Amino acid sequence: YCCLALCGAMLWLLSPMGERVAGSPVQKRPVTFTRDVAPLLQKRCQECHRPGGVAPMAFTTWDETRPWARSIREKVVTREMPPFHATGALGRYQDDPRLTEQEIATIVDWVDRGAPRGNARDLPPAKTWVSGWQNGEPDLVLTVRQAYRVQASPTDKYVFFVFDHVFPEDTWVRSIVTRPGNEKVVHHANTHLVPPMLKAPESGYFDGDFDPGARGTIMIAGWVPGSNDVQLPAGTAVRIPKGMRFGIQIHYGPAEEAAIDRTSIGLYFADGRVDKNLRMLFGDRKDLRIPPGDPAYSLTAKRTFDSDAVIRFFHVHMHLRGKSYAFRFTYPDGRTETLFDVPQYDFNWQRSYLLTQPIRVPKGTQVEFIGTYDNSARNRFNPDPNQTVVWGEKTVDEMMQGRIFWESEPERLNLTVRKGLVVRETALDAPAPGSPSSPGNR
């Protein structure tokens, strides 16, 4: 009896599906769109692939999705989609769209079976997408002075807009959210703090070649398709100094026809207690000079934490030759560790990587910001592998920007803030070098 029971158990374990009804193996029910695939698309893909989304096709119904089945299979197997380029286990980052191995297997099985529709009664309710501000109405909305007409062009274009609002007092904010006026043409947008000495033209924007960093601005937030809004935790905020304004550099992608854009940013003010001023450790090299055809040109910038640190999120920025970017940490005890790695950088998908659990590192930890570029013909995004590439704002130039957003562990500002303004102040530490509110961080 024992032998028969053991054999029976082994047969069950070795059966193709590991399922049994009334003591007999049965086939697993076939994968269908309505029951199995539609929920995955809602969860992982429809933020972009929906009517009105930034993707060129929608995946909200079987009729819309079925013609793309083979392409979907290829993209998810190679993990090209959903786009997410940092390494690390699922769950390390907030809003991580990556599919699990089981979810990929489900899509592969569905396509290989002919992409069946399934029973309409199994289809989940359509997901409702918020067309306005995802986190409710902001405390302050800033909109560019006038709508901008994007001309039909096969090339990219950068425009730097300056908002009119001047902050009359130091103001503490917990979130800065970009709302593109026209997501079809806004490729990405970077928000900057603008000092009083920078005067904007009557139009409200600088068109053509313009380096905002060279004019004293400080990048403080950004937006790309599919990006998640950064909401700082309770007790942490960013100080906007009195007299400052905001500006936004918008990268307009190639457009087949003319379009109108009028982009806004929404500010959510801090309320309650504020103890931490969010800081930024910035790695950059403007002396890059990439030789023609070089497939692995690399540069390193080094920065050191001047305080025990709590790291909240990461961001990197390169252009079309960008190949990879890594942050290698060397701790005071000599240990080294690569805490952040983007092994296959893609200019088309630049996001902030928000940690689910913050990382703590000790004072004196050194970070190597390592950017690598591919200027060879093997890089399918390379506009001209025969050119020597130098630093510049244009897409055909290059950049090497790495950012670590962090808090000082011992910092205790002990501020009481209401709608962004301090109403009671018992201690206020001066902003440390490297914080977004520090004039020296440029």
Protein backbone atom coordinates (compact mmCIF):
# COMPACT_ATOMS: atom_id res chain seq x y z
CA TYR A 1 0.00 0.00 0.00
CA CYS A 2 2.79 2.40 0.91
CA CYS A 3 4.54 1.71 -2.40
CA LEU A 4 1.32 2.28 -4.33
CA ALA A 5 0.68 5.53 -2.47
CA LEU A 6 4.21 6.74 -3.16
CA CYS A 7 3.95 5.88 -6.85
CA GLY A 8 0.60 7.64 -7.05
CA ALA A 9 2.04 10.77 -5.47
CA MET A 10 5.01 10.76 -7.84
CA LEU A 11 2.73 10.36 -10.85
CA TRP A 12 0.71 13.35 -9.64
CA LEU A 13 3.85 15.47 -9.23
CA LEU A 14 5.13 14.44 -12.64
CA SER A 15 1.83 15.05 -14.45
CA PRO A 16 1.96 17.88 -17.01
CA MET A 17 -0.25 20.28 -15.09
CA GLY A 18 0.00 19.05 -11.53
CA GLU A 19 -3.81 19.16 -11.30
CA ARG A 20 -6.21 16.39 -10.42
CA VAL A 21 -9.98 15.90 -10.36
CA ALA A 22 -11.41 12.80 -8.68
CA GLY A 23 -7.94 11.25 -8.57
CA SER A 24 -7.18 11.70 -12.31
CA PRO A 25 -4.94 14.27 -14.03
CA VAL A 26 -6.77 16.86 -16.16
CA GLN A 27 -5.62 19.39 -18.69
CA LYS A 28 -5.24 22.98 -17.53
CA ARG A 29 -7.93 25.23 -18.98
CA PRO A 30 -6.74 27.08 -22.10
CA VAL A 31 -5.52 30.64 -21.76
CA THR A 32 -7.89 33.23 -23.20
CA PHE A 33 -7.81 36.96 -23.69
CA THR A 34 -10.86 37.78 -21.60
CA ARG A 35 -9.91 35.73 -18.54
CA ASP A 36 -6.10 35.73 -18.50
CA VAL A 37 -4.54 38.32 -20.80
CA ALA A 38 -6.82 41.35 -20.43
CA PRO A 39 -6.08 41.70 -16.67
CA LEU A 40 -2.33 41.66 -17.41
CA LEU A 41 -2.68 44.33 -20.08
CA GLN A 42 -4.70 46.50 -17.71
CA LYS A 43 -2.09 46.13 -15.00
CA ARG A 44 1.08 46.44 -17.05
CA CYS A 45 0.41 47.99 -20.46
CA GLN A 46 -2.69 50.13 -20.77
CA GLU A 47 -1.21 53.19 -19.12
CA CYS A 48 0.32 53.83 -22.55
CA HIS A 49 -1.62 51.39 -24.77
CA ARG A 50 -5.13 52.86 -24.58
CA PRO A 51 -7.18 55.36 -26.57
CA GLY A 52 -5.57 58.73 -25.92
CA GLY A 53 -2.39 57.12 -24.55
CA VAL A 54 1.10 57.84 -25.82
CA ALA A 55 1.49 54.47 -27.57
CA PRO A 56 0.54 54.22 -31.25
CA MET A 57 -1.87 51.32 -30.63
CA ALA A 58 -4.40 50.43 -27.92
CA PHE A 59 -4.70 47.09 -26.10
CA THR A 60 -8.02 47.60 -24.34
CA THR A 61 -10.12 45.09 -26.34
CA TRP A 62 -9.51 41.77 -28.07
CA ASP A 63 -10.18 43.36 -31.48
CA GLU A 64 -7.50 46.00 -30.83
CA THR A 65 -4.98 43.54 -29.38
CA ARG A 66 -5.30 40.47 -31.61
CA PRO A 67 -3.47 41.96 -34.67
CA TRP A 68 -0.47 42.68 -32.43
CA ALA A 69 -0.34 39.30 -30.70
CA ARG A 70 2.92 38.08 -32.27
CA SER A 71 4.62 41.39 -31.70
CA ILE A 72 3.47 41.44 -28.07
CA ARG A 73 4.90 37.95 -27.58
CA GLU A 74 8.28 39.00 -28.96
CA LYS A 75 8.45 42.18 -26.90
CA VAL A 76 7.58 40.56 -23.57
CA VAL A 77 9.87 37.55 -24.09
CA THR A 78 12.82 39.85 -24.74
CA ARG A 79 11.60 42.13 -21.91
CA GLU A 80 11.67 45.12 -24.21
CA MET A 81 8.14 45.75 -22.98
CA PRO A 82 6.90 46.91 -20.58
CA PRO A 83 9.84 49.34 -20.53
CA PHE A 84 11.92 49.28 -17.35
CA HIS A 85 15.69 49.42 -17.53
CA ALA A 86 17.14 49.14 -14.03
CA THR A 87 18.25 45.80 -12.65
CA GLY A 88 17.00 44.47 -9.34
CA ALA A 89 14.34 42.08 -8.14
CA LEU A 90 10.65 42.77 -8.66
CA GLY A 91 9.44 44.73 -5.68
CA ARG A 92 12.60 46.78 -5.22
CA TYR A 93 11.12 49.77 -7.02
CA GLN A 94 7.72 51.40 -6.81
CA ASP A 95 5.42 51.20 -9.85
CA ASP A 96 7.61 48.52 -11.44
CA PRO A 97 5.77 47.42 -14.62
CA ARG A 98 7.90 44.35 -15.34
CA LEU A 99 6.12 41.06 -15.96
CA THR A 100 6.82 37.99 -13.85
CA GLU A 101 7.99 34.80 -15.53
CA GLN A 102 4.50 33.33 -15.05
CA GLU A 103 2.88 36.38 -16.65
CA ILE A 104 5.21 36.12 -19.64
CA ALA A 105 4.40 32.40 -19.93
CA THR A 106 0.69 33.23 -19.93
CA ILE A 107 1.06 35.64 -22.84
CA VAL A 108 3.28 33.22 -24.77
CA ASP A 109 0.75 30.40 -24.25
CA TRP A 110 -2.11 32.64 -25.38
CA VAL A 111 -0.33 33.68 -28.59
CA ASP A 112 0.87 30.15 -29.38
CA ARG A 113 -2.73 28.89 -29.08
CA GLY A 114 -3.89 31.39 -31.69
CA ALA A 115 -4.76 34.26 -29.32
CA PRO A 116 -8.31 33.06 -28.50
CA ARG A 117 -10.86 35.61 -27.37
CA GLY A 118 -12.60 33.60 -24.64
CA ASN A 119 -15.93 34.14 -22.95
CA ALA A 120 -17.08 37.76 -22.81
CA ARG A 121 -18.37 37.18 -19.27
CA ASP A 122 -14.76 36.65 -18.10
CA LEU A 123 -13.63 40.10 -19.26
CA PRO A 124 -12.77 42.38 -16.33
CA PRO A 125 -14.48 45.78 -16.12
CA ALA A 126 -12.72 48.40 -18.23
CA LYS A 127 -10.17 50.35 -16.24
CA THR A 128 -10.96 54.00 -15.64
CA TRP A 129 -8.04 56.29 -16.36
CA VAL A 130 -7.86 59.66 -14.67
CA SER A 131 -7.44 62.28 -17.36
CA GLY A 132 -6.54 65.07 -14.95
CA TRP A 133 -4.17 65.19 -12.02
CA GLN A 134 -3.59 61.66 -10.72
CA ASN A 135 -3.23 62.76 -7.09
CA GLY A 136 -6.03 65.31 -6.99
CA GLU A 137 -5.98 69.01 -7.70
CA PRO A 138 -2.58 70.56 -6.92
CA ASP A 139 -2.20 73.46 -4.49
CA LEU A 140 -0.71 75.57 -7.28
CA VAL A 141 -0.87 75.04 -11.05
CA LEU A 142 1.62 76.85 -13.29
CA THR A 143 1.03 76.96 -17.05
CA VAL A 144 3.33 78.26 -19.76
CA ARG A 145 2.51 81.81 -20.82
CA GLN A 146 1.20 80.88 -24.23
CA ALA A 147 0.52 77.77 -26.26
CA TYR A 148 3.46 76.61 -28.35
CA ARG A 149 3.08 75.47 -31.94
CA VAL A 150 5.23 72.46 -32.72
CA GLN A 151 6.06 72.46 -36.42
CA ALA A 152 6.02 69.27 -38.47
CA SER A 153 9.65 68.14 -38.54
CA PRO A 154 11.69 64.93 -38.71
CA THR A 155 14.08 66.26 -36.05
CA ASP A 156 13.86 66.82 -32.30
CA LYS A 157 13.42 70.24 -30.76
CA TYR A 158 14.15 71.68 -27.29
CA VAL A 159 12.31 74.71 -25.86
CA PHE A 160 12.83 76.21 -22.40
CA PHE A 161 9.71 77.86 -20.92
CA VAL A 162 9.79 80.14 -17.88
CA PHE A 163 6.68 80.33 -15.69
CA ASP A 164 5.59 83.77 -14.51
CA HIS A 165 4.93 82.93 -10.85
CA VAL A 166 7.59 84.25 -8.42
CA PHE A 167 7.63 82.68 -4.96
CA PRO A 168 7.15 85.51 -2.43
CA GLU A 169 8.39 83.40 0.50
CA ASP A 170 10.42 80.24 1.05
CA THR A 171 7.98 77.47 0.14
CA TRP A 172 8.16 73.77 0.96
CA VAL A 173 6.77 71.30 -1.59
CA ARG A 174 6.32 67.54 -1.44
CA SER A 175 5.57 66.90 -5.11
CA ILE A 176 6.10 68.54 -8.50
CA VAL A 177 4.00 66.93 -11.24
CA THR A 178 4.21 67.66 -14.97
CA ARG A 179 1.08 67.61 -17.09
CA PRO A 180 1.96 67.80 -20.80
CA GLY A 181 -0.50 69.72 -22.90
CA ASN A 182 -0.03 67.26 -25.77
CA GLU A 183 1.52 63.89 -24.94
CA LYS A 184 1.75 63.03 -28.63
CA VAL A 185 4.53 65.55 -29.14
CA VAL A 186 6.10 65.99 -25.69
CA HIS A 187 8.90 63.44 -25.59
CA HIS A 188 10.06 64.39 -22.11
CA ALA A 189 10.22 67.48 -19.90
CA ASN A 190 12.58 68.61 -17.14
CA THR A 191 11.52 71.16 -14.53
CA HIS A 192 14.14 73.64 -13.26
CA LEU A 193 14.41 76.26 -10.55
CA VAL A 194 15.06 79.60 -12.23
CA PRO A 195 17.03 82.34 -10.41
CA PRO A 196 15.84 85.98 -10.49
CA MET A 197 18.68 87.09 -12.78
CA LEU A 198 17.39 84.98 -15.71
CA LYS A 199 14.95 87.12 -17.66
CA ALA A 200 12.68 85.38 -20.15
CA PRO A 201 11.75 86.85 -23.55
CA GLU A 202 8.29 88.39 -24.00
CA SER A 203 7.12 85.06 -25.43
CA GLY A 204 7.93 83.34 -22.14
CA TYR A 205 10.33 80.84 -23.68
CA PHE A 206 13.81 80.39 -25.13
CA ASP A 207 13.67 78.70 -28.52
CA GLY A 208 16.62 76.99 -30.18
CA ASP A 209 20.02 76.41 -28.57
CA PHE A 210 19.77 77.12 -24.84
CA ASP A 211 21.67 75.53 -21.96
CA PRO A 212 19.59 76.17 -18.81
CA GLY A 213 22.29 74.85 -16.47
CA ALA A 214 24.76 77.39 -17.80
CA ARG A 215 22.25 80.12 -16.94
CA GLY A 216 22.08 79.18 -13.27
CA THR A 217 19.01 76.95 -13.28
CA ILE A 218 18.78 73.76 -11.20
CA MET A 219 16.88 70.70 -12.47
CA ILE A 220 14.45 69.58 -9.79
CA ALA A 221 11.90 67.24 -11.45
CA GLY A 222 11.14 65.51 -14.73
CA TRP A 223 8.50 63.75 -16.81
CA VAL A 224 8.63 60.98 -19.42
CA PRO A 225 5.83 58.82 -20.87
CA GLY A 226 4.85 56.20 -18.32
CA SER A 227 6.69 57.91 -15.48
CA ASN A 228 5.33 57.80 -11.97
CA ASP A 229 4.68 60.92 -9.95
CA VAL A 230 7.09 61.35 -7.04
CA GLN A 231 5.34 61.96 -3.73
CA LEU A 232 7.80 62.54 -0.89
CA PRO A 233 7.11 60.78 2.40
CA ALA A 234 5.72 62.64 5.41
CA GLY A 235 8.38 64.80 7.02
CA THR A 236 10.41 65.29 3.82
CA ALA A 237 10.04 68.20 1.41
CA VAL A 238 11.99 70.47 -0.95
CA ARG A 239 12.50 74.15 -0.18
CA ILE A 240 11.81 76.59 -3.00
CA PRO A 241 13.73 79.76 -2.04
CA LYS A 242 12.06 83.14 -2.00
CA GLY A 243 12.31 84.98 -5.33
CA MET A 244 12.71 81.83 -7.45
CA ARG A 245 10.52 80.78 -10.37
CA PHE A 246 10.08 77.52 -12.21
CA GLY A 247 11.08 76.79 -15.78
CA ILE A 248 10.58 73.69 -17.87
CA GLN A 249 12.70 72.38 -20.71
CA ILE A 250 10.51 70.42 -23.10
CA HIS A 251 11.92 67.99 -25.63
CA TYR A 252 9.54 67.76 -28.57
CA GLY A 253 10.02 64.63 -30.63
CA PRO A 254 9.81 64.42 -34.44
CA ALA A 255 6.27 65.27 -35.60
CA GLU A 256 4.56 64.26 -38.83
CA GLU A 257 2.18 67.20 -38.60
CA ALA A 258 2.00 70.47 -36.70
CA ALA A 259 0.57 70.36 -33.19
CA ILE A 260 -0.20 72.65 -30.26
CA ASP A 261 1.17 72.15 -26.75
CA ARG A 262 0.58 74.06 -23.52
CA THR A 263 2.22 72.22 -20.65
CA SER A 264 1.57 72.78 -16.94
CA ILE A 265 3.15 71.73 -13.67
CA GLY A 266 1.26 71.12 -10.45
CA LEU A 267 2.77 71.80 -7.03
CA TYR A 268 1.64 70.00 -3.90
CA PHE A 269 2.67 71.91 -0.81
CA ALA A 270 3.95 70.32 2.37
CA ASP A 271 1.69 70.39 5.41
CA GLY A 272 2.54 69.55 9.00
CA ARG A 273 5.99 68.72 10.27
CA VAL A 274 9.03 68.91 8.00
CA ASP A 275 12.34 67.53 9.25
CA LYS A 276 14.18 66.73 6.01
CA ASN A 277 15.12 68.81 2.99
CA LEU A 278 15.49 66.41 0.06
CA ARG A 279 19.02 66.56 -1.34
CA MET A 280 20.65 65.45 -4.56
CA LEU A 281 24.05 63.90 -5.20
CA PHE A 282 24.84 64.76 -8.81
CA GLY A 283 27.34 62.97 -11.05
CA ASP A 284 28.18 64.61 -14.35
CA ARG A 285 31.03 65.02 -16.83
CA LYS A 286 30.99 67.78 -19.43
CA ASP A 287 34.42 66.91 -20.79
CA LEU A 288 33.20 63.83 -22.64
CA ARG A 289 34.54 63.36 -26.15
CA ILE A 290 33.40 60.13 -27.81
CA PRO A 291 35.54 59.05 -30.78
CA PRO A 292 33.87 57.94 -34.02
CA GLY A 293 32.91 54.26 -34.01
CA ASP A 294 33.80 53.68 -30.33
CA PRO A 295 31.40 51.00 -28.98
CA ALA A 296 32.30 51.32 -25.28
CA TYR A 297 33.47 54.81 -24.39
CA SER A 298 33.23 55.31 -20.63
CA LEU A 299 33.59 58.15 -18.14
CA THR A 300 33.38 58.26 -14.34
CA ALA A 301 32.41 61.07 -11.98
CA LYS A 302 33.00 60.75 -8.23
CA ARG A 303 30.99 62.27 -5.39
CA THR A 304 30.95 61.65 -1.62
CA PHE A 305 28.10 61.76 0.91
CA ASP A 306 28.88 64.37 3.54
CA SER A 307 26.38 62.89 6.00
CA ASP A 308 24.79 59.59 6.93
CA ALA A 309 22.25 59.26 4.12
CA VAL A 310 18.82 57.79 3.41
CA ILE A 311 18.46 57.25 -0.36
CA ARG A 312 14.94 57.59 -1.80
CA PHE A 313 15.32 57.32 -5.58
CA PHE A 314 17.63 57.43 -8.62
CA HIS A 315 17.62 59.02 -12.06
CA VAL A 316 19.98 59.03 -15.05
CA HIS A 317 20.05 61.01 -18.27
CA MET A 318 22.03 60.42 -21.47
CA HIS A 319 21.25 60.84 -25.18
CA LEU A 320 21.23 58.56 -28.21
CA ARG A 321 24.71 57.07 -27.73
CA GLY A 322 23.95 56.21 -24.09
CA LYS A 323 24.63 52.51 -23.52
CA SER A 324 24.64 51.96 -19.75
CA TYR A 325 24.88 53.79 -16.46
CA ALA A 326 25.87 52.46 -13.05
CA PHE A 327 26.32 53.85 -9.54
CA ARG A 328 29.15 52.06 -7.71
CA PHE A 329 29.39 52.71 -3.98
CA THR A 330 32.60 52.43 -1.94
CA TYR A 331 31.90 52.43 1.79
CA PRO A 332 34.23 53.78 4.49
CA ASP A 333 35.23 50.19 5.40
CA GLY A 334 36.45 49.59 1.82
CA ARG A 335 33.53 47.47 0.60
CA THR A 336 32.27 48.18 -2.91
CA GLU A 337 28.81 47.57 -4.29
CA THR A 338 26.88 48.55 -7.42
CA LEU A 339 23.62 49.78 -5.91
CA PHE A 340 22.04 50.99 -9.13
CA ASP A 341 22.55 49.74 -12.67
CA VAL A 342 20.90 50.49 -16.01
CA PRO A 343 22.68 48.00 -18.29
CA GLN A 344 20.69 48.86 -21.42
CA TYR A 345 19.94 52.55 -21.37
CA ASP A 346 17.15 53.75 -23.69
CA PHE A 347 16.79 57.46 -24.41
CA ASN A 348 13.10 56.94 -25.14
CA TRP A 349 12.33 55.80 -21.58
CA GLN A 350 13.76 57.92 -18.81
CA ARG A 351 12.10 57.52 -15.45
CA SER A 352 12.77 58.06 -11.78
CA TYR A 353 13.45 54.81 -9.94
CA LEU A 354 11.76 55.12 -6.55
CA LEU A 355 12.89 52.60 -3.98
CA THR A 356 10.21 50.63 -2.14
CA GLN A 357 12.51 50.59 0.88
CA PRO A 358 15.05 53.41 1.26
CA ILE A 359 18.75 52.54 1.35
CA ARG A 360 20.93 53.81 4.19
CA VAL A 361 24.61 54.53 3.62
CA PRO A 362 27.17 56.02 6.04
CA LYS A 363 28.86 59.39 5.82
CA GLY A 364 32.01 59.26 3.70
CA THR A 365 30.57 56.77 1.20
CA GLN A 366 31.92 57.54 -2.26
CA VAL A 367 29.83 57.06 -5.39
CA GLU A 368 31.28 56.48 -8.84
CA PHE A 369 28.83 57.56 -11.54
CA ILE A 370 29.85 55.46 -14.54
CA GLY A 371 28.41 56.31 -17.96
CA THR A 372 29.17 54.20 -21.03
CA TYR A 373 28.40 55.06 -24.65
CA ASP A 374 28.13 53.24 -27.97
CA ASN A 375 29.09 55.45 -30.90
CA SER A 376 29.37 52.55 -33.32
CA ALA A 377 27.18 51.55 -36.23
CA ARG A 378 25.84 48.68 -34.11
CA ASN A 379 23.88 51.22 -32.06
CA ARG A 380 20.59 51.43 -33.96
CA PHE A 381 19.81 54.82 -32.40
CA ASN A 382 23.12 56.37 -33.44
CA PRO A 383 22.47 59.18 -35.94
CA ASP A 384 26.06 59.23 -37.21
CA PRO A 385 28.81 56.83 -36.01
CA ASN A 386 31.39 58.83 -37.98
CA GLN A 387 31.09 61.87 -35.73
CA THR A 388 33.11 62.81 -32.65
CA VAL A 389 30.45 63.47 -30.00
CA VAL A 390 30.81 66.11 -27.28
CA TRP A 391 28.65 67.41 -24.45
CA GLY A 392 25.62 69.46 -25.46
CA GLU A 393 21.87 70.03 -25.10
CA LYS A 394 20.93 68.73 -28.53
CA THR A 395 19.81 65.13 -28.91
CA VAL A 396 22.71 64.48 -31.31
CA ASP A 397 25.14 65.67 -28.61
CA GLU A 398 25.63 63.78 -25.33
CA MET A 399 25.20 64.15 -21.58
CA MET A 400 26.18 62.08 -18.55
CA GLN A 401 23.87 62.99 -15.70
CA GLY A 402 23.30 60.74 -12.71
CA ARG A 403 21.22 61.76 -9.69
CA ILE A 404 20.75 60.25 -6.26
CA PHE A 405 17.96 61.83 -4.21
CA TRP A 406 18.56 61.46 -0.50
CA GLU A 407 17.99 62.78 2.99
CA SER A 408 20.52 63.50 5.73
CA GLU A 409 19.91 61.00 8.52
CA PRO A 410 20.81 63.38 11.39
CA GLU A 411 19.01 66.41 9.95
CA ARG A 412 16.12 67.67 12.11
CA LEU A 413 14.60 70.87 10.74
CA ASN A 414 11.71 70.74 13.20
CA LEU A 415 9.48 72.96 11.07
CA THR A 416 5.73 73.32 11.17
CA VAL A 417 4.46 74.06 7.69
CA ARG A 418 1.01 74.98 6.42
CA LYS A 419 0.36 75.09 2.68
CA GLY A 420 4.09 75.21 2.11
CA LEU A 421 4.85 78.13 4.43
CA VAL A 422 6.57 77.91 7.81
CA VAL A 423 4.19 78.91 10.61
CA ARG A 424 6.43 77.96 13.53
CA GLU A 425 10.17 77.53 13.39
CA THR A 426 12.24 76.13 16.24
CA ALA A 427 15.35 75.11 14.27
CA LEU A 428 16.32 75.46 10.65
CA ASP A 429 19.54 74.00 9.40
CA ALA A 430 21.13 75.77 6.47
CA PRO A 431 20.70 73.79 3.25
CA ALA A 432 23.66 71.47 2.82
CA PRO A 433 25.80 71.49 -0.31
CA GLY A 434 24.20 69.22 -2.88
CA SER A 435 20.58 69.96 -1.88
CA PRO A 436 18.25 71.23 -4.63
CA SER A 437 17.83 74.49 -2.66
CA SER A 438 21.56 75.10 -2.33
CA PRO A 439 22.78 77.86 -4.68
CA GLY A 440 26.03 75.96 -5.14
CA ASN A 441 24.30 72.93 -6.70
CA ARG A 442 24.58 73.81 -10.35
